[in-house]
Amino acid sequence: MELLSKHLFWDIDNSKMCWEKNKKTIIERVIERGNMDEWLCIVRVYTLEEIVNTAKTFRTMSPKDLNFIATISNTPKEAFRCYNTRSLTSQHWIY
């Protein structure tokens, strides 16, 4: 876990993190907030297929992150849960 920045897991004790047990959390945080070095780190630990299959289960993902993961894996966006699940509450207007 020392290979990943501490800012990704500010709310979790790094000494208790396990690559396999906490796979979903690790992948989600790196996709959402990580940099390219952290991305390369998780690609060395997990296969691209594992990362994509995990990302498919996320309820939310930014459009940028969704486009990135869909493009590098050649997976249609429709295969991701976050693409098919829209927020039922209306968004605030940006003035």
N, C-alpha and C. Protein backbone atom coordinates (compact mmCIF):
# COMPACT_ATOMS: atom_id res chain seq x y z
N MET A 1 0.81 -1.19 0.00
CA MET A 1 0.00 0.00 0.00
C MET A 1 0.86 1.26 0.00
N GLU A 2 2.11 1.13 0.36
CA GLU A 2 2.97 2.31 0.40
C GLU A 2 3.24 2.88 -0.99
N LEU A 3 2.88 2.14 -2.02
CA LEU A 3 3.07 2.62 -3.38
C LEU A 3 2.03 3.67 -3.78
N LEU A 4 0.91 3.70 -3.07
CA LEU A 4 -0.16 4.65 -3.37
C LEU A 4 -0.11 5.83 -2.41
N SER A 5 -0.49 6.99 -2.87
CA SER A 5 -0.46 8.20 -2.04
C SER A 5 -1.41 8.08 -0.86
N LYS A 6 -1.00 8.65 0.26
CA LYS A 6 -1.81 8.61 1.47
C LYS A 6 -3.09 9.44 1.32
N HIS A 7 -3.08 10.45 0.43
CA HIS A 7 -4.27 11.28 0.28
C HIS A 7 -5.46 10.50 -0.30
N LEU A 8 -5.20 9.40 -0.97
CA LEU A 8 -6.29 8.58 -1.51
C LEU A 8 -7.06 7.87 -0.40
N PHE A 9 -6.37 7.58 0.70
CA PHE A 9 -6.96 6.79 1.79
C PHE A 9 -6.84 7.54 3.11
N TRP A 10 -7.22 8.81 3.10
CA TRP A 10 -7.13 9.65 4.28
C TRP A 10 -7.99 9.13 5.43
N ASP A 11 -9.03 8.39 5.11
CA ASP A 11 -9.98 7.94 6.12
C ASP A 11 -9.81 6.47 6.52
N ILE A 12 -8.77 5.84 6.00
CA ILE A 12 -8.55 4.41 6.24
C ILE A 12 -7.13 4.22 6.77
N ASP A 13 -6.97 3.34 7.74
CA ASP A 13 -5.64 3.02 8.27
C ASP A 13 -4.90 2.17 7.23
N ASN A 14 -3.84 2.74 6.65
CA ASN A 14 -3.09 2.05 5.59
C ASN A 14 -2.51 0.71 6.04
N SER A 15 -2.20 0.59 7.32
CA SER A 15 -1.61 -0.67 7.80
C SER A 15 -2.62 -1.82 7.75
N LYS A 16 -3.91 -1.49 7.69
CA LYS A 16 -4.96 -2.52 7.65
C LYS A 16 -5.48 -2.79 6.24
N MET A 17 -4.94 -2.07 5.26
CA MET A 17 -5.39 -2.25 3.87
C MET A 17 -4.76 -3.50 3.28
N CYS A 18 -5.55 -4.21 2.49
CA CYS A 18 -5.09 -5.43 1.82
C CYS A 18 -5.46 -5.30 0.35
N TRP A 19 -4.51 -5.60 -0.54
CA TRP A 19 -4.75 -5.45 -1.98
C TRP A 19 -5.96 -6.25 -2.44
N GLU A 20 -6.14 -7.45 -1.93
CA GLU A 20 -7.25 -8.28 -2.39
C GLU A 20 -8.54 -7.96 -1.66
N LYS A 21 -8.47 -7.84 -0.35
CA LYS A 21 -9.67 -7.59 0.44
C LYS A 21 -10.30 -6.24 0.14
N ASN A 22 -9.48 -5.23 -0.11
CA ASN A 22 -9.96 -3.87 -0.36
C ASN A 22 -9.86 -3.47 -1.83
N LYS A 23 -9.96 -4.44 -2.71
CA LYS A 23 -9.79 -4.19 -4.13
C LYS A 23 -10.73 -3.12 -4.67
N LYS A 24 -12.01 -3.21 -4.34
CA LYS A 24 -12.99 -2.25 -4.86
C LYS A 24 -12.67 -0.83 -4.40
N THR A 25 -12.34 -0.67 -3.14
CA THR A 25 -12.02 0.66 -2.61
C THR A 25 -10.77 1.22 -3.27
N ILE A 26 -9.74 0.40 -3.41
CA ILE A 26 -8.49 0.85 -4.01
C ILE A 26 -8.71 1.29 -5.44
N ILE A 27 -9.39 0.46 -6.23
CA ILE A 27 -9.63 0.79 -7.64
C ILE A 27 -10.49 2.04 -7.75
N GLU A 28 -11.52 2.14 -6.94
CA GLU A 28 -12.41 3.30 -7.00
C GLU A 28 -11.66 4.59 -6.67
N ARG A 29 -10.86 4.57 -5.63
CA ARG A 29 -10.14 5.79 -5.23
C ARG A 29 -9.10 6.19 -6.27
N VAL A 30 -8.41 5.22 -6.85
CA VAL A 30 -7.40 5.56 -7.85
C VAL A 30 -8.07 6.11 -9.11
N ILE A 31 -9.17 5.53 -9.53
CA ILE A 31 -9.87 6.05 -10.71
C ILE A 31 -10.39 7.45 -10.44
N GLU A 32 -10.97 7.67 -9.27
CA GLU A 32 -11.56 8.98 -8.95
C GLU A 32 -10.53 10.06 -8.69
N ARG A 33 -9.49 9.73 -7.91
CA ARG A 33 -8.60 10.78 -7.40
C ARG A 33 -7.12 10.56 -7.68
N GLY A 34 -6.79 9.44 -8.29
CA GLY A 34 -5.38 9.10 -8.47
C GLY A 34 -4.75 9.78 -9.67
N ASN A 35 -3.43 9.69 -9.73
CA ASN A 35 -2.69 10.21 -10.88
C ASN A 35 -2.21 9.04 -11.73
N MET A 36 -1.46 9.34 -12.77
CA MET A 36 -1.05 8.29 -13.70
C MET A 36 -0.12 7.27 -13.04
N ASP A 37 0.75 7.71 -12.14
CA ASP A 37 1.63 6.77 -11.44
C ASP A 37 0.83 5.78 -10.60
N GLU A 38 -0.22 6.27 -9.95
CA GLU A 38 -1.07 5.39 -9.14
C GLU A 38 -1.88 4.45 -10.03
N TRP A 39 -2.28 4.94 -11.19
CA TRP A 39 -2.98 4.08 -12.15
C TRP A 39 -2.06 2.95 -12.59
N LEU A 40 -0.83 3.28 -12.93
CA LEU A 40 0.14 2.26 -13.36
C LEU A 40 0.42 1.25 -12.25
N CYS A 41 0.37 1.72 -11.02
CA CYS A 41 0.58 0.83 -9.87
C CYS A 41 -0.54 -0.21 -9.78
N ILE A 42 -1.80 0.21 -9.89
CA ILE A 42 -2.88 -0.77 -9.77
C ILE A 42 -2.95 -1.68 -10.99
N VAL A 43 -2.48 -1.21 -12.14
CA VAL A 43 -2.47 -2.07 -13.33
C VAL A 43 -1.43 -3.18 -13.16
N ARG A 44 -0.39 -2.92 -12.38
CA ARG A 44 0.61 -3.97 -12.10
C ARG A 44 0.07 -4.99 -11.10
N VAL A 45 -0.84 -4.56 -10.22
CA VAL A 45 -1.39 -5.46 -9.20
C VAL A 45 -2.59 -6.23 -9.73
N TYR A 46 -3.49 -5.54 -10.41
CA TYR A 46 -4.71 -6.14 -10.95
C TYR A 46 -4.64 -6.16 -12.47
N THR A 47 -5.35 -7.09 -13.07
CA THR A 47 -5.44 -7.09 -14.53
C THR A 47 -6.41 -5.99 -14.97
N LEU A 48 -6.31 -5.57 -16.21
CA LEU A 48 -7.24 -4.57 -16.73
C LEU A 48 -8.67 -5.10 -16.66
N GLU A 49 -8.83 -6.38 -16.90
CA GLU A 49 -10.16 -7.00 -16.83
C GLU A 49 -10.74 -6.90 -15.41
N GLU A 50 -9.92 -7.13 -14.39
CA GLU A 50 -10.38 -7.00 -13.00
C GLU A 50 -10.79 -5.56 -12.69
N ILE A 51 -9.98 -4.61 -13.16
CA ILE A 51 -10.26 -3.20 -12.92
C ILE A 51 -11.57 -2.81 -13.58
N VAL A 52 -11.76 -3.20 -14.83
CA VAL A 52 -12.98 -2.85 -15.56
C VAL A 52 -14.20 -3.51 -14.94
N ASN A 53 -14.09 -4.78 -14.60
CA ASN A 53 -15.23 -5.48 -13.99
C ASN A 53 -15.61 -4.85 -12.65
N THR A 54 -14.63 -4.40 -11.90
CA THR A 54 -14.91 -3.71 -10.64
C THR A 54 -15.55 -2.36 -10.91
N ALA A 55 -15.02 -1.62 -11.88
CA ALA A 55 -15.56 -0.30 -12.21
C ALA A 55 -16.99 -0.39 -12.75
N LYS A 56 -17.33 -1.48 -13.36
CA LYS A 56 -18.69 -1.66 -13.87
C LYS A 56 -19.73 -1.66 -12.76
N THR A 57 -19.31 -1.95 -11.54
CA THR A 57 -20.24 -2.02 -10.42
C THR A 57 -20.41 -0.69 -9.69
N PHE A 58 -19.60 0.31 -10.00
CA PHE A 58 -19.67 1.60 -9.30
C PHE A 58 -21.00 2.29 -9.58
N ARG A 59 -21.60 2.84 -8.54
CA ARG A 59 -22.86 3.57 -8.69
C ARG A 59 -22.64 4.93 -9.36
N THR A 60 -21.51 5.55 -9.05
CA THR A 60 -21.22 6.86 -9.63
C THR A 60 -19.80 6.88 -10.15
N MET A 61 -19.61 7.67 -11.20
CA MET A 61 -18.28 7.90 -11.77
C MET A 61 -18.40 9.15 -12.63
N SER A 62 -17.39 9.98 -12.59
CA SER A 62 -17.44 11.20 -13.39
C SER A 62 -17.43 10.82 -14.87
N PRO A 63 -18.00 11.66 -15.72
CA PRO A 63 -17.97 11.38 -17.16
C PRO A 63 -16.54 11.21 -17.69
N LYS A 64 -15.61 11.98 -17.17
CA LYS A 64 -14.21 11.88 -17.60
C LYS A 64 -13.64 10.51 -17.24
N ASP A 65 -13.87 10.07 -16.01
CA ASP A 65 -13.36 8.77 -15.57
C ASP A 65 -14.02 7.63 -16.34
N LEU A 66 -15.32 7.75 -16.58
CA LEU A 66 -16.03 6.73 -17.35
C LEU A 66 -15.49 6.64 -18.77
N ASN A 67 -15.28 7.78 -19.41
CA ASN A 67 -14.72 7.77 -20.76
C ASN A 67 -13.34 7.15 -20.79
N PHE A 68 -12.51 7.46 -19.79
CA PHE A 68 -11.16 6.90 -19.73
C PHE A 68 -11.19 5.39 -19.64
N ILE A 69 -11.91 4.86 -18.66
CA ILE A 69 -11.92 3.42 -18.44
C ILE A 69 -12.60 2.68 -19.59
N ALA A 70 -13.64 3.27 -20.16
CA ALA A 70 -14.32 2.64 -21.30
C ALA A 70 -13.42 2.63 -22.53
N THR A 71 -12.69 3.71 -22.74
CA THR A 71 -11.83 3.81 -23.93
C THR A 71 -10.64 2.86 -23.85
N ILE A 72 -9.93 2.85 -22.71
CA ILE A 72 -8.74 2.00 -22.64
C ILE A 72 -9.07 0.52 -22.62
N SER A 73 -10.30 0.19 -22.24
CA SER A 73 -10.69 -1.22 -22.19
C SER A 73 -11.54 -1.64 -23.38
N ASN A 74 -11.86 -0.67 -24.24
CA ASN A 74 -12.72 -0.94 -25.40
C ASN A 74 -14.05 -1.57 -24.95
N THR A 75 -14.60 -0.99 -23.88
CA THR A 75 -15.87 -1.45 -23.31
C THR A 75 -16.92 -0.37 -23.54
N PRO A 76 -18.10 -0.72 -24.04
CA PRO A 76 -19.13 0.31 -24.22
C PRO A 76 -19.55 0.91 -22.87
N LYS A 77 -19.81 2.20 -22.87
CA LYS A 77 -20.22 2.88 -21.64
C LYS A 77 -21.49 2.28 -21.05
N GLU A 78 -22.35 1.75 -21.91
CA GLU A 78 -23.61 1.17 -21.46
C GLU A 78 -23.39 -0.05 -20.54
N ALA A 79 -22.20 -0.63 -20.57
CA ALA A 79 -21.90 -1.80 -19.73
C ALA A 79 -21.63 -1.41 -18.28
N PHE A 80 -21.49 -0.11 -18.01
CA PHE A 80 -21.19 0.36 -16.66
C PHE A 80 -22.47 0.75 -15.94
N ARG A 81 -22.57 0.33 -14.70
CA ARG A 81 -23.76 0.63 -13.89
C ARG A 81 -23.99 2.13 -13.76
N CYS A 82 -22.93 2.89 -13.57
CA CYS A 82 -23.07 4.33 -13.37
C CYS A 82 -23.63 5.03 -14.60
N TYR A 83 -23.42 4.48 -15.77
CA TYR A 83 -23.95 5.07 -16.99
C TYR A 83 -25.45 4.86 -17.08
N ASN A 84 -25.90 3.71 -16.63
CA ASN A 84 -27.32 3.36 -16.73
C ASN A 84 -28.15 3.86 -15.55
N THR A 85 -27.51 4.22 -14.46
CA THR A 85 -28.20 4.70 -13.27
C THR A 85 -28.02 6.20 -13.18
N ARG A 86 -29.04 6.92 -13.36
CA ARG A 86 -29.00 8.38 -13.28
C ARG A 86 -29.54 8.82 -11.94
N SER A 87 -29.06 9.95 -11.48
CA SER A 87 -29.55 10.51 -10.22
C SER A 87 -31.02 10.91 -10.38
N LEU A 88 -31.80 10.54 -9.40
CA LEU A 88 -33.23 10.87 -9.47
C LEU A 88 -33.50 12.29 -9.01
N THR A 89 -32.55 12.91 -8.33
CA THR A 89 -32.73 14.29 -7.91
C THR A 89 -32.16 15.21 -8.98
N SER A 90 -32.81 16.33 -9.16
CA SER A 90 -32.35 17.26 -10.19
C SER A 90 -31.09 17.96 -9.70
N GLN A 91 -30.25 18.30 -10.64
CA GLN A 91 -29.00 18.98 -10.33
C GLN A 91 -29.24 20.47 -10.18
N HIS A 92 -28.42 21.13 -9.41
CA HIS A 92 -28.53 22.57 -9.25
C HIS A 92 -28.06 23.27 -10.51
N TRP A 93 -28.64 24.38 -10.78
CA TRP A 93 -28.23 25.17 -11.93
C TRP A 93 -26.88 25.81 -11.65
N ILE A 94 -26.04 25.86 -12.64
CA ILE A 94 -24.76 26.56 -12.52
C ILE A 94 -24.93 27.90 -13.22
N TYR A 95 -24.80 28.98 -12.46
CA TYR A 95 -25.01 30.31 -13.01
C TYR A 95 -23.71 30.93 -13.45
